[in-house]
Amino acid sequence: MTSFIEAAAFAAGTFLASAAIASPIPAIDGNYEGFYDIENAFTSHGLWLPGFLGDNTWNITKGSAEFTDGKLSMTGMAENRGYSLNFDFLVFEKPDHSGGLICGGGSECATATDAMKDKIVFFDMGTEAIMGTVTGVEGTALDGLSMDITMRPLPDKPGQLGFGGNWKTLDFGYSNWMSWEVTNTAVGVKTGLSGSGDVNFDFLSNEITKPLSPVPLPAGLPLMLTLIAGGAAMRRLQKKA
């Protein structure tokens, strides 16, 4: 039968372990540098390629991001109707953006507080620089496909990262407006096919790679430890008696 001391020690250890695993997204006044997992922003809107294979949105099935030293890199996989694509993007921070946070029409993003807006990080590749590539996954129907992804030529809409940065909600995310062009063909896809679109990601803390902050002791833990020590002392006295 488990003793009071063992049970209390187990409960305390479980509480601390649970607290240590939790790794919340950065506070509004925090530093956004770090490692993240990538999800779709607002349902299935992750990678938007209107006009490509007759459909618009590609669902992010896995992805990760690293933001450090003014560079934001993002890699992952997106799927649509059984097709699979890899994406690999790299963008560079710009000092500011005179237009401020960009939101979709009628979106929750428009309700962002000044504190949220002040912490938005903007990225700019210039209107013609290649932001990265989208390629067909090896061994699938789009094996051999390659697209160049460039910033969409709209200087008032740079990439943005932060709370509201995914363009629609107040979740912690990233969005960018871009153009795409097929540079290497795959079965059923012509070279030279092109269009515009965007990426809309939610960034989640990666509990494996993102450094954890020191976990403060819960307020009741000293009292619990005192009770445990007291119980042990009582048991020793009972044995001596």
Protein backbone atom coordinates (compact mmCIF):
# COMPACT_ATOMS: atom_id res chain seq x y z
CA MET A 1 0.00 0.00 0.00
CA THR A 2 1.37 3.40 -0.98
CA SER A 3 2.27 5.57 2.02
CA PHE A 4 1.18 9.15 2.48
CA ILE A 5 4.75 10.30 1.91
CA GLU A 6 5.09 8.36 -1.36
CA ALA A 7 1.72 9.59 -2.63
CA ALA A 8 2.47 13.21 -1.76
CA ALA A 9 5.93 13.02 -3.34
CA PHE A 10 4.45 11.49 -6.52
CA ALA A 11 1.79 14.22 -6.72
CA ALA A 12 4.39 16.96 -6.27
CA GLY A 13 6.66 15.42 -8.92
CA THR A 14 3.78 15.05 -11.37
CA PHE A 15 2.79 18.70 -10.89
CA LEU A 16 6.33 19.92 -11.53
CA ALA A 17 6.76 17.70 -14.58
CA SER A 18 3.50 18.99 -16.09
CA ALA A 19 4.54 22.59 -15.46
CA ALA A 20 7.95 22.01 -17.03
CA ILE A 21 6.50 20.51 -20.21
CA ALA A 22 4.23 23.51 -20.83
CA SER A 23 5.88 25.95 -23.23
CA PRO A 24 3.52 28.80 -24.11
CA ILE A 25 3.93 31.01 -27.16
CA PRO A 26 5.86 34.23 -26.49
CA ALA A 27 4.28 36.96 -24.42
CA ILE A 28 3.30 40.10 -26.28
CA ASP A 29 6.39 41.84 -24.89
CA GLY A 30 8.63 38.82 -25.46
CA ASN A 31 11.33 38.02 -27.96
CA TYR A 32 9.94 36.00 -30.86
CA GLU A 33 13.26 34.38 -31.72
CA GLY A 34 13.27 30.62 -31.35
CA PHE A 35 11.98 27.40 -32.87
CA TYR A 36 8.35 26.70 -33.71
CA ASP A 37 6.04 24.09 -35.17
CA ILE A 38 3.88 25.27 -38.08
CA GLU A 39 0.13 24.73 -38.50
CA ASN A 40 -2.47 26.13 -40.88
CA ALA A 41 -3.90 29.49 -39.98
CA PHE A 42 -7.71 29.60 -39.78
CA THR A 43 -8.69 26.02 -40.70
CA SER A 44 -7.07 24.74 -43.90
CA HIS A 45 -5.53 27.97 -45.15
CA GLY A 46 -1.82 27.26 -45.03
CA LEU A 47 -0.32 27.51 -48.51
CA TRP A 48 -2.58 29.26 -51.04
CA LEU A 49 -1.84 28.53 -54.71
CA PRO A 50 -4.93 29.62 -56.66
CA GLY A 51 -4.89 28.28 -60.22
CA PHE A 52 -2.53 25.42 -59.46
CA LEU A 53 -4.10 22.01 -60.13
CA GLY A 54 -7.53 23.58 -60.01
CA ASP A 55 -7.68 24.21 -56.28
CA ASN A 56 -6.69 26.96 -53.86
CA THR A 57 -5.53 25.91 -50.42
CA TRP A 58 -2.93 23.34 -49.40
CA ASN A 59 -3.14 21.86 -45.92
CA ILE A 60 0.05 21.96 -43.81
CA THR A 61 0.66 18.43 -42.57
CA LYS A 62 4.01 19.15 -40.92
CA GLY A 63 6.38 22.08 -40.67
CA SER A 64 8.87 23.95 -38.54
CA ALA A 65 10.28 27.45 -38.35
CA GLU A 66 13.34 29.13 -36.89
CA PHE A 67 13.60 32.85 -36.28
CA THR A 68 17.04 34.10 -35.28
CA ASP A 69 19.40 36.97 -36.12
CA GLY A 70 16.80 38.69 -38.31
CA LYS A 71 16.18 35.61 -40.48
CA LEU A 72 13.03 33.50 -40.54
CA SER A 73 13.27 30.08 -42.18
CA MET A 74 10.25 27.80 -42.69
CA THR A 75 10.12 24.26 -44.05
CA GLY A 76 7.42 21.63 -44.21
CA MET A 77 4.92 19.67 -46.27
CA ALA A 78 1.49 20.58 -47.62
CA GLU A 79 -1.15 18.31 -49.14
CA ASN A 80 -4.23 18.72 -51.30
CA ARG A 81 -6.47 16.00 -52.75
CA GLY A 82 -3.76 13.38 -52.42
CA TYR A 83 -0.96 15.55 -53.87
CA SER A 84 2.05 16.42 -51.71
CA LEU A 85 4.40 19.42 -51.82
CA ASN A 86 7.45 20.44 -49.80
CA PHE A 87 8.08 24.12 -49.05
CA ASP A 88 11.32 25.84 -48.06
CA PHE A 89 11.20 29.60 -47.41
CA LEU A 90 13.70 32.13 -46.05
CA VAL A 91 12.83 35.78 -45.39
CA PHE A 92 14.73 38.66 -43.77
CA GLU A 93 13.52 41.10 -41.14
CA LYS A 94 13.05 44.73 -42.12
CA PRO A 95 13.27 47.58 -39.57
CA ASP A 96 9.66 48.70 -39.78
CA HIS A 97 6.60 49.03 -41.97
CA SER A 98 4.88 52.41 -42.22
CA GLY A 99 1.48 50.83 -42.87
CA GLY A 100 1.53 48.76 -39.66
CA LEU A 101 -0.24 45.44 -39.16
CA ILE A 102 -2.06 44.17 -42.28
CA CYS A 103 -5.35 42.35 -41.66
CA GLY A 104 -7.90 40.62 -43.85
CA GLY A 105 -11.22 42.42 -44.29
CA GLY A 106 -13.62 42.00 -41.38
CA SER A 107 -11.19 39.75 -39.51
CA GLU A 108 -10.45 39.34 -35.81
CA CYS A 109 -6.95 40.62 -36.58
CA ALA A 110 -8.41 44.14 -36.84
CA THR A 111 -9.11 44.10 -33.08
CA ALA A 112 -5.41 43.75 -32.18
CA THR A 113 -4.31 45.97 -29.30
CA ASP A 114 -1.58 48.57 -29.66
CA ALA A 115 0.74 46.31 -27.63
CA MET A 116 0.24 43.53 -30.18
CA LYS A 117 0.74 45.85 -33.14
CA ASP A 118 3.92 47.31 -31.66
CA LYS A 119 5.48 43.85 -31.51
CA ILE A 120 4.73 42.76 -35.09
CA VAL A 121 7.93 41.81 -36.96
CA PHE A 122 7.97 42.61 -40.69
CA PHE A 123 9.93 40.88 -43.45
CA ASP A 124 10.74 42.06 -46.95
CA MET A 125 12.53 40.30 -49.78
CA GLY A 126 12.00 43.07 -52.30
CA THR A 127 9.46 42.65 -55.07
CA GLU A 128 11.54 40.31 -57.23
CA ALA A 129 13.75 38.36 -54.83
CA ILE A 130 13.16 34.63 -54.53
CA MET A 131 11.68 33.80 -51.13
CA GLY A 132 12.14 30.05 -51.58
CA THR A 133 10.85 27.02 -53.41
CA VAL A 134 7.95 24.61 -53.47
CA THR A 135 8.77 21.14 -54.79
CA GLY A 136 6.93 17.89 -55.40
CA VAL A 137 7.54 15.20 -52.81
CA GLU A 138 9.83 12.46 -54.12
CA GLY A 139 8.00 9.28 -55.08
CA THR A 140 4.60 10.96 -55.38
CA ALA A 141 2.58 12.16 -58.39
CA LEU A 142 4.32 15.56 -58.33
CA ASP A 143 7.87 14.17 -58.12
CA GLY A 144 10.08 16.46 -60.24
CA LEU A 145 7.93 19.57 -59.83
CA SER A 146 9.67 22.76 -58.72
CA MET A 147 8.32 26.28 -58.20
CA ASP A 148 10.13 29.50 -57.45
CA ILE A 149 8.31 31.59 -54.85
CA THR A 150 8.86 35.35 -54.91
CA MET A 151 7.45 38.20 -52.91
CA ARG A 152 4.23 39.39 -54.48
CA PRO A 153 4.86 42.85 -56.00
CA LEU A 154 2.79 44.72 -53.40
CA PRO A 155 5.18 46.88 -51.34
CA ASP A 156 2.41 47.75 -48.85
CA LYS A 157 2.01 44.07 -47.85
CA PRO A 158 5.25 42.65 -46.45
CA GLY A 159 5.51 39.40 -44.54
CA GLN A 160 4.58 39.77 -40.88
CA LEU A 161 5.03 37.73 -37.70
CA GLY A 162 3.29 38.16 -34.36
CA PHE A 163 -0.13 38.12 -32.71
CA GLY A 164 -2.40 38.87 -35.68
CA GLY A 165 0.48 38.23 -38.08
CA ASN A 166 -1.38 35.40 -39.80
CA TRP A 167 -3.61 38.07 -41.41
CA LYS A 168 -6.96 36.92 -39.99
CA THR A 169 -6.99 35.94 -36.31
CA LEU A 170 -5.15 37.13 -33.20
CA ASP A 171 -3.23 33.85 -32.98
CA PHE A 172 0.57 33.98 -33.04
CA GLY A 173 1.38 33.49 -36.70
CA TYR A 174 3.00 34.52 -39.96
CA SER A 175 1.69 35.55 -43.36
CA ASN A 176 3.26 36.61 -46.63
CA TRP A 177 1.93 37.55 -50.04
CA MET A 178 3.80 36.02 -52.94
CA SER A 179 3.90 34.92 -56.57
CA TRP A 180 4.69 31.42 -57.80
CA GLU A 181 6.05 30.08 -61.07
CA VAL A 182 6.66 26.48 -62.13
CA THR A 183 10.32 26.18 -63.15
CA ASN A 184 10.53 22.40 -63.50
CA THR A 185 7.69 20.25 -64.72
CA ALA A 186 5.99 17.15 -63.38
CA VAL A 187 3.34 14.93 -64.95
CA GLY A 188 0.36 17.08 -65.93
CA VAL A 189 1.99 20.38 -64.90
CA LYS A 190 3.46 22.75 -67.50
CA THR A 191 6.67 24.72 -67.03
CA GLY A 192 5.95 28.46 -66.96
CA LEU A 193 2.59 28.12 -65.24
CA SER A 194 2.35 30.95 -62.71
CA GLY A 195 0.07 32.82 -60.37
CA SER A 196 -0.14 34.69 -57.07
CA GLY A 197 -1.09 33.53 -53.61
CA ASP A 198 0.02 33.65 -50.00
CA VAL A 199 1.14 31.66 -46.98
CA ASN A 200 -0.75 31.81 -43.70
CA PHE A 201 0.76 29.94 -40.77
CA ASP A 202 0.11 29.63 -37.07
CA PHE A 203 3.32 29.21 -35.07
CA LEU A 204 3.23 26.91 -32.05
CA SER A 205 5.91 26.44 -29.41
CA ASN A 206 8.11 23.47 -30.14
CA GLU A 207 8.53 21.92 -26.68
CA ILE A 208 11.46 19.79 -27.82
CA THR A 209 13.69 22.47 -29.29
CA LYS A 210 12.44 25.75 -27.80
CA PRO A 211 14.32 26.59 -24.56
CA LEU A 212 12.12 26.39 -21.47
CA SER A 213 12.00 29.19 -18.93
CA PRO A 214 12.71 28.23 -15.31
CA VAL A 215 9.50 26.93 -13.74
CA PRO A 216 8.59 28.78 -10.51
CA LEU A 217 7.69 26.62 -7.53
CA PRO A 218 3.92 26.43 -7.00
CA ALA A 219 2.75 28.53 -4.07
CA GLY A 220 1.57 25.52 -2.06
CA LEU A 221 4.67 23.38 -2.56
CA PRO A 222 6.60 24.59 0.56
CA LEU A 223 3.56 23.72 2.71
CA MET A 224 3.28 20.30 1.07
CA LEU A 225 6.98 19.60 1.72
CA THR A 226 6.55 20.67 5.35
CA LEU A 227 3.64 18.24 5.75
CA ILE A 228 5.70 15.45 4.21
CA ALA A 229 8.62 16.14 6.56
CA GLY A 230 6.22 16.29 9.51
CA GLY A 231 4.67 12.96 8.57
CA ALA A 232 8.11 11.37 8.35
CA ALA A 233 9.05 12.69 11.79
CA MET A 234 5.84 11.32 13.30
CA ARG A 235 6.52 7.88 11.81
CA ARG A 236 10.02 7.86 13.32
CA LEU A 237 8.62 8.78 16.75
CA GLN A 238 5.97 6.03 16.50
CA LYS A 239 8.65 3.44 15.68
CA LYS A 240 10.79 4.50 18.66
CA ALA A 241 7.75 4.31 20.96
